[in-house]
């Protein structure tokens, strides 16, 4: 029984070591998160964070706004086309049914 427990602990330690190595490699390629946990903890306590630590990802890409000319519709080619003025129909009062007593 002690042998099985020792093997399980050894296997668990190897797994934890492999996991730590994998996480370390992943963060080495990606940089670290911004804001870092330390910055989040300080902000939670009320410390203003004006600049973040460099996360190792390099400079931010520059985005430029390109304004293109917007086309406008041409004037209608139908000459001086006019529409009729519509007048609302007259309402007729509706009769209410008489109540019988």
N, C-alpha and C. Protein backbone atom coordinates (compact mmCIF):
# COMPACT_ATOMS: atom_id res chain seq x y z
N UNK A 1 0.82 -1.18 0.00
CA UNK A 1 0.00 0.00 0.00
C UNK A 1 0.87 1.25 0.00
N UNK A 2 1.93 1.26 0.80
CA UNK A 2 2.83 2.41 0.85
C UNK A 2 3.54 2.58 -0.48
N UNK A 3 3.81 1.45 -1.15
CA UNK A 3 4.47 1.50 -2.45
C UNK A 3 3.56 2.16 -3.48
N UNK A 4 2.25 1.85 -3.45
CA UNK A 4 1.30 2.43 -4.39
C UNK A 4 1.14 3.93 -4.13
N UNK A 5 1.13 4.30 -2.87
CA UNK A 5 1.01 5.72 -2.50
C UNK A 5 2.24 6.49 -2.98
N UNK A 6 3.40 5.91 -2.80
CA UNK A 6 4.64 6.56 -3.24
C UNK A 6 4.65 6.71 -4.76
N UNK A 7 4.19 5.68 -5.46
CA UNK A 7 4.15 5.76 -6.92
C UNK A 7 3.16 6.85 -7.37
N UNK A 8 2.01 6.93 -6.71
CA UNK A 8 1.02 7.94 -7.06
C UNK A 8 1.56 9.33 -6.83
N UNK A 9 2.23 9.54 -5.70
CA UNK A 9 2.81 10.85 -5.40
C UNK A 9 3.89 11.21 -6.41
N UNK A 10 4.70 10.22 -6.79
CA UNK A 10 5.77 10.45 -7.77
C UNK A 10 5.17 10.81 -9.13
N UNK A 11 4.12 10.09 -9.51
CA UNK A 11 3.46 10.37 -10.78
C UNK A 11 2.82 11.76 -10.77
N UNK A 12 2.22 12.12 -9.64
CA UNK A 12 1.60 13.44 -9.51
C UNK A 12 2.65 14.54 -9.59
N UNK A 13 3.79 14.35 -8.99
CA UNK A 13 4.88 15.33 -9.02
C UNK A 13 5.41 15.49 -10.45
N UNK A 14 5.54 14.39 -11.18
CA UNK A 14 5.99 14.47 -12.57
C UNK A 14 4.98 15.23 -13.42
N UNK A 15 3.69 14.96 -13.18
CA UNK A 15 2.63 15.66 -13.92
C UNK A 15 2.65 17.15 -13.64
N UNK A 16 2.83 17.53 -12.38
CA UNK A 16 2.89 18.94 -12.02
C UNK A 16 4.10 19.61 -12.64
N UNK A 17 5.22 18.89 -12.69
CA UNK A 17 6.44 19.43 -13.29
C UNK A 17 6.25 19.65 -14.79
N UNK A 18 5.64 18.68 -15.46
CA UNK A 18 5.38 18.81 -16.90
C UNK A 18 4.41 19.96 -17.17
N UNK A 19 3.41 20.09 -16.31
CA UNK A 19 2.44 21.17 -16.49
C UNK A 19 3.13 22.53 -16.33
N UNK A 20 3.95 22.67 -15.30
CA UNK A 20 4.65 23.94 -15.06
C UNK A 20 5.57 24.27 -16.24
N UNK A 21 6.23 23.25 -16.77
CA UNK A 21 7.11 23.47 -17.92
C UNK A 21 6.30 23.90 -19.14
N UNK A 22 5.16 23.26 -19.36
CA UNK A 22 4.30 23.60 -20.49
C UNK A 22 3.77 25.02 -20.39
N UNK A 23 3.33 25.41 -19.19
CA UNK A 23 2.81 26.77 -18.98
C UNK A 23 3.93 27.79 -19.18
N UNK A 24 5.12 27.47 -18.69
CA UNK A 24 6.26 28.38 -18.84
C UNK A 24 6.60 28.58 -20.31
N UNK A 25 6.59 27.49 -21.09
CA UNK A 25 6.87 27.60 -22.52
C UNK A 25 5.80 28.42 -23.24
N UNK A 26 4.55 28.22 -22.86
CA UNK A 26 3.46 28.95 -23.50
C UNK A 26 3.58 30.45 -23.23
N UNK A 27 3.87 30.81 -22.00
CA UNK A 27 4.01 32.23 -21.68
C UNK A 27 5.28 32.83 -22.28
N UNK A 28 6.31 32.01 -22.50
CA UNK A 28 7.53 32.53 -23.11
C UNK A 28 7.28 32.96 -24.55
N UNK A 29 6.37 32.27 -25.23
CA UNK A 29 6.07 32.60 -26.62
C UNK A 29 5.04 33.72 -26.73
N UNK A 30 4.14 33.82 -25.79
CA UNK A 30 3.04 34.77 -25.88
C UNK A 30 3.30 36.06 -25.13
N UNK A 31 4.22 36.11 -24.27
CA UNK A 31 4.37 37.26 -23.39
C UNK A 31 3.51 37.02 -22.16
N UNK A 32 3.36 38.03 -21.36
CA UNK A 32 2.52 37.87 -20.17
C UNK A 32 1.26 38.71 -20.34
N UNK A 33 0.23 38.37 -19.61
CA UNK A 33 -1.03 39.09 -19.78
C UNK A 33 -0.92 40.53 -19.30
N UNK A 34 -1.64 41.40 -19.97
CA UNK A 34 -1.70 42.80 -19.55
C UNK A 34 -3.14 43.12 -19.28
N UNK A 35 -3.54 43.57 -18.17
CA UNK A 35 -2.73 43.86 -17.01
C UNK A 35 -2.35 42.58 -16.27
N UNK A 36 -1.24 42.65 -15.55
CA UNK A 36 -0.79 41.48 -14.81
C UNK A 36 -1.64 41.33 -13.55
N UNK A 37 -1.53 40.19 -12.91
CA UNK A 37 -2.30 39.96 -11.69
C UNK A 37 -1.92 40.97 -10.62
N UNK A 38 -0.65 41.32 -10.56
CA UNK A 38 -0.20 42.31 -9.57
C UNK A 38 -0.87 43.66 -9.83
N UNK A 39 -0.96 44.06 -11.10
CA UNK A 39 -1.61 45.33 -11.44
C UNK A 39 -3.10 45.28 -11.09
N UNK A 40 -3.73 44.14 -11.32
CA UNK A 40 -5.15 43.99 -10.98
C UNK A 40 -5.35 44.10 -9.46
N UNK A 41 -4.46 43.45 -8.70
CA UNK A 41 -4.56 43.50 -7.24
C UNK A 41 -4.37 44.93 -6.73
N UNK A 42 -3.41 45.66 -7.30
CA UNK A 42 -3.18 47.04 -6.87
C UNK A 42 -4.37 47.93 -7.24
N UNK A 43 -4.95 47.71 -8.41
CA UNK A 43 -6.12 48.50 -8.82
C UNK A 43 -7.30 48.22 -7.91
N UNK A 44 -7.43 46.98 -7.46
CA UNK A 44 -8.51 46.60 -6.55
C UNK A 44 -8.37 47.32 -5.22
N UNK A 45 -7.13 47.58 -4.82
CA UNK A 45 -6.88 48.29 -3.57
C UNK A 45 -6.92 49.80 -3.73
N UNK A 46 -7.17 50.28 -4.96
CA UNK A 46 -7.33 51.70 -5.17
C UNK A 46 -6.12 52.42 -5.71
N UNK A 47 -5.07 51.71 -6.04
CA UNK A 47 -3.86 52.33 -6.58
C UNK A 47 -4.08 52.59 -8.08
N UNK A 48 -3.95 53.83 -8.53
CA UNK A 48 -4.14 54.07 -9.96
C UNK A 48 -2.98 53.53 -10.78
N UNK A 49 -3.29 52.83 -11.85
CA UNK A 49 -2.27 52.27 -12.75
C UNK A 49 -2.26 53.14 -14.00
N UNK A 50 -1.22 53.94 -14.15
CA UNK A 50 -1.15 54.84 -15.30
C UNK A 50 -0.48 54.19 -16.50
N UNK A 51 0.51 53.36 -16.26
CA UNK A 51 1.16 52.65 -17.36
C UNK A 51 1.27 51.18 -16.96
N UNK A 52 1.09 50.30 -17.93
CA UNK A 52 1.19 48.87 -17.67
C UNK A 52 2.61 48.39 -17.91
N UNK A 53 2.94 47.28 -17.26
CA UNK A 53 4.23 46.66 -17.53
C UNK A 53 4.25 46.16 -18.97
N UNK A 54 5.40 46.14 -19.57
CA UNK A 54 5.53 45.63 -20.93
C UNK A 54 5.24 44.13 -20.92
N UNK A 55 4.35 43.69 -21.81
CA UNK A 55 4.01 42.27 -21.83
C UNK A 55 4.87 41.47 -22.80
N UNK A 56 5.82 42.11 -23.47
CA UNK A 56 6.74 41.40 -24.34
C UNK A 56 6.20 41.15 -25.74
N UNK A 57 5.05 41.72 -26.07
CA UNK A 57 4.47 41.45 -27.39
C UNK A 57 4.96 42.43 -28.45
N UNK A 58 5.75 43.40 -28.07
CA UNK A 58 6.27 44.35 -29.05
C UNK A 58 5.37 45.57 -29.16
N UNK A 59 5.71 46.47 -30.09
CA UNK A 59 4.92 47.70 -30.22
C UNK A 59 3.53 47.41 -30.80
N UNK A 60 2.58 48.25 -30.44
CA UNK A 60 1.23 48.08 -30.95
C UNK A 60 1.19 48.49 -32.42
N UNK A 61 0.40 47.79 -33.23
CA UNK A 61 0.31 48.16 -34.65
C UNK A 61 -0.38 49.52 -34.80
N UNK A 62 0.03 50.24 -35.82
CA UNK A 62 -0.58 51.55 -36.08
C UNK A 62 -1.74 51.35 -37.04
N UNK A 63 -2.87 51.95 -36.68
CA UNK A 63 -4.05 51.88 -37.53
C UNK A 63 -4.29 53.26 -38.09
N UNK A 64 -4.46 53.35 -39.39
CA UNK A 64 -4.71 54.62 -40.04
C UNK A 64 -6.10 54.60 -40.65
N UNK A 65 -6.80 55.71 -40.50
CA UNK A 65 -8.12 55.82 -41.08
C UNK A 65 -7.99 56.38 -42.49
N UNK A 66 -8.54 55.67 -43.45
CA UNK A 66 -8.49 56.10 -44.83
C UNK A 66 -9.88 56.60 -45.20
N UNK A 67 -9.97 57.85 -45.61
CA UNK A 67 -11.24 58.42 -45.99
C UNK A 67 -11.36 58.36 -47.51
N UNK A 68 -12.38 57.71 -47.97
CA UNK A 68 -12.60 57.62 -49.40
C UNK A 68 -13.75 58.55 -49.78
N UNK A 69 -13.74 58.97 -51.02
CA UNK A 69 -14.78 59.87 -51.49
C UNK A 69 -16.07 59.08 -51.65
N UNK A 70 -17.13 59.63 -51.11
CA UNK A 70 -18.41 58.97 -51.20
C UNK A 70 -19.17 59.51 -52.41
N UNK A 71 -19.66 58.62 -53.24
CA UNK A 71 -20.38 59.07 -54.42
C UNK A 71 -21.76 59.59 -54.04
N UNK A 72 -22.22 60.56 -54.78
CA UNK A 72 -23.52 61.15 -54.52
C UNK A 72 -24.43 60.90 -55.72
N UNK A 73 -25.71 60.74 -55.47
CA UNK A 73 -26.60 60.46 -56.59
C UNK A 73 -26.73 61.67 -57.52
N UNK A 74 -26.91 61.38 -58.79
CA UNK A 74 -27.08 62.47 -59.76
C UNK A 74 -28.54 62.94 -59.71
N UNK A 75 -28.78 64.08 -60.31
CA UNK A 75 -30.14 64.61 -60.34
C UNK A 75 -30.99 63.74 -61.24
N UNK A 76 -32.28 63.61 -60.92
CA UNK A 76 -33.14 62.77 -61.76
C UNK A 76 -33.24 63.31 -63.18
N UNK A 77 -33.33 62.40 -64.14
CA UNK A 77 -33.34 62.82 -65.54
C UNK A 77 -34.75 62.92 -66.10
N UNK A 78 -35.77 62.90 -65.27
CA UNK A 78 -37.14 62.94 -65.76
C UNK A 78 -37.69 64.33 -65.93
N UNK A 79 -36.89 65.31 -65.85
CA UNK A 79 -37.37 66.69 -66.00
C UNK A 79 -38.03 67.17 -64.72
N UNK A 80 -39.14 67.86 -64.87
CA UNK A 80 -39.83 68.44 -63.72
C UNK A 80 -41.04 67.57 -63.39
N UNK A 81 -40.84 66.43 -62.82
CA UNK A 81 -41.90 65.48 -62.50
C UNK A 81 -42.54 65.85 -61.18
N UNK A 82 -43.87 65.97 -61.18
CA UNK A 82 -44.58 66.32 -59.95
C UNK A 82 -45.57 65.21 -59.61
N UNK A 83 -45.83 65.06 -58.35
CA UNK A 83 -46.81 64.08 -57.91
C UNK A 83 -48.07 64.80 -57.46
N UNK A 84 -49.17 64.09 -57.45
CA UNK A 84 -50.42 64.68 -56.98
C UNK A 84 -50.40 64.78 -55.48
N UNK A 85 -51.10 65.76 -54.98
CA UNK A 85 -51.24 65.89 -53.54
C UNK A 85 -52.40 65.01 -53.11
N UNK A 86 -52.18 64.18 -52.17
CA UNK A 86 -53.23 63.30 -51.69
C UNK A 86 -53.95 63.97 -50.53
N UNK A 87 -55.27 63.89 -50.55
CA UNK A 87 -56.06 64.44 -49.45
C UNK A 87 -56.69 63.27 -48.71
N UNK A 88 -56.77 63.36 -47.41
CA UNK A 88 -57.36 62.25 -46.65
C UNK A 88 -58.86 62.14 -46.92
N UNK A 89 -59.36 60.94 -46.89
CA UNK A 89 -60.79 60.71 -47.09
C UNK A 89 -61.55 61.25 -45.88
N UNK A 90 -62.78 61.70 -46.14
CA UNK A 90 -63.61 62.24 -45.06
C UNK A 90 -64.13 61.08 -44.23
N UNK A 91 -64.14 61.30 -42.96
CA UNK A 91 -64.64 60.27 -42.06
C UNK A 91 -66.13 60.43 -41.89
N UNK A 92 -66.83 59.33 -41.89
CA UNK A 92 -68.26 59.36 -41.61
C UNK A 92 -68.46 58.89 -40.18
N UNK A 93 -69.31 59.58 -39.43
CA UNK A 93 -69.51 59.15 -38.04
C UNK A 93 -70.18 57.79 -38.00
N UNK A 94 -69.71 56.96 -37.14
CA UNK A 94 -70.27 55.61 -36.99
C UNK A 94 -71.44 55.68 -36.03
N UNK A 95 -72.46 54.94 -36.36
CA UNK A 95 -73.64 54.91 -35.50
C UNK A 95 -73.39 53.92 -34.38
N UNK A 96 -73.78 54.32 -33.20
CA UNK A 96 -73.65 53.42 -32.06
C UNK A 96 -74.99 52.70 -31.89
N UNK A 97 -74.94 51.44 -31.60
CA UNK A 97 -76.19 50.71 -31.44
C UNK A 97 -76.96 51.23 -30.22
N UNK A 98 -78.26 51.34 -30.38
CA UNK A 98 -79.10 51.84 -29.28
C UNK A 98 -79.34 50.70 -28.30
N UNK A 99 -79.32 51.07 -27.06
CA UNK A 99 -79.56 50.08 -26.00
C UNK A 99 -81.05 49.94 -25.80
N UNK A 100 -81.50 48.74 -25.68
CA UNK A 100 -82.90 48.49 -25.42
C UNK A 100 -83.11 48.33 -23.91
N UNK A 101 -84.14 48.97 -23.41
CA UNK A 101 -84.41 48.87 -21.98
C UNK A 101 -85.48 47.88 -21.71
